[in-house]
């Protein structure tokens, strides 16, 4: 309970964009591993290959099963069901709740390749960061605070 409260406070006041030194794809995939909705996975094994671009480039894999989730730093030699090509910083922002996956895909910073079923399922398989909701709420509050109605009722930017 205290951890959640501190996390929400941090999401509201402290979390900004990650610094380049914090953009570690392996750490990100370990966080994701812990936040899989296993009950939402297909009945069969799903293998996702992540091809990250940016400061730390490379390919990594998540092997998802209802009974286990594995992070692989080497090709697990299973058929790839879904490929995720992404700027590591953009994917971090999705994980943290600063940007939506749909918005980031529209901008081309994240690309999903696979069957339509796999592409649709991807966003539903992960709980994302435990602080994503608080981060989104803090960003919405900041955006609302920046625009205030003037005395005439017109909207103006807050200073």
Foldseek 3Di string as FASTA:
>chain_A
DVVLVVLLVCLQPPDDQDDPVPLDVVVVVVQQQVFFPLVLDPQDKAKEWEAEDDPDTDIWIWIHHSVHIDTGRDPPPDDHAKYKYAHSSLVVCCLQQVDPPVVCVVVVRIDMDHPPVCVVSVVVGGPGDPCNVSNNVSVVVVVVQQWDQDPVRHIDGDD
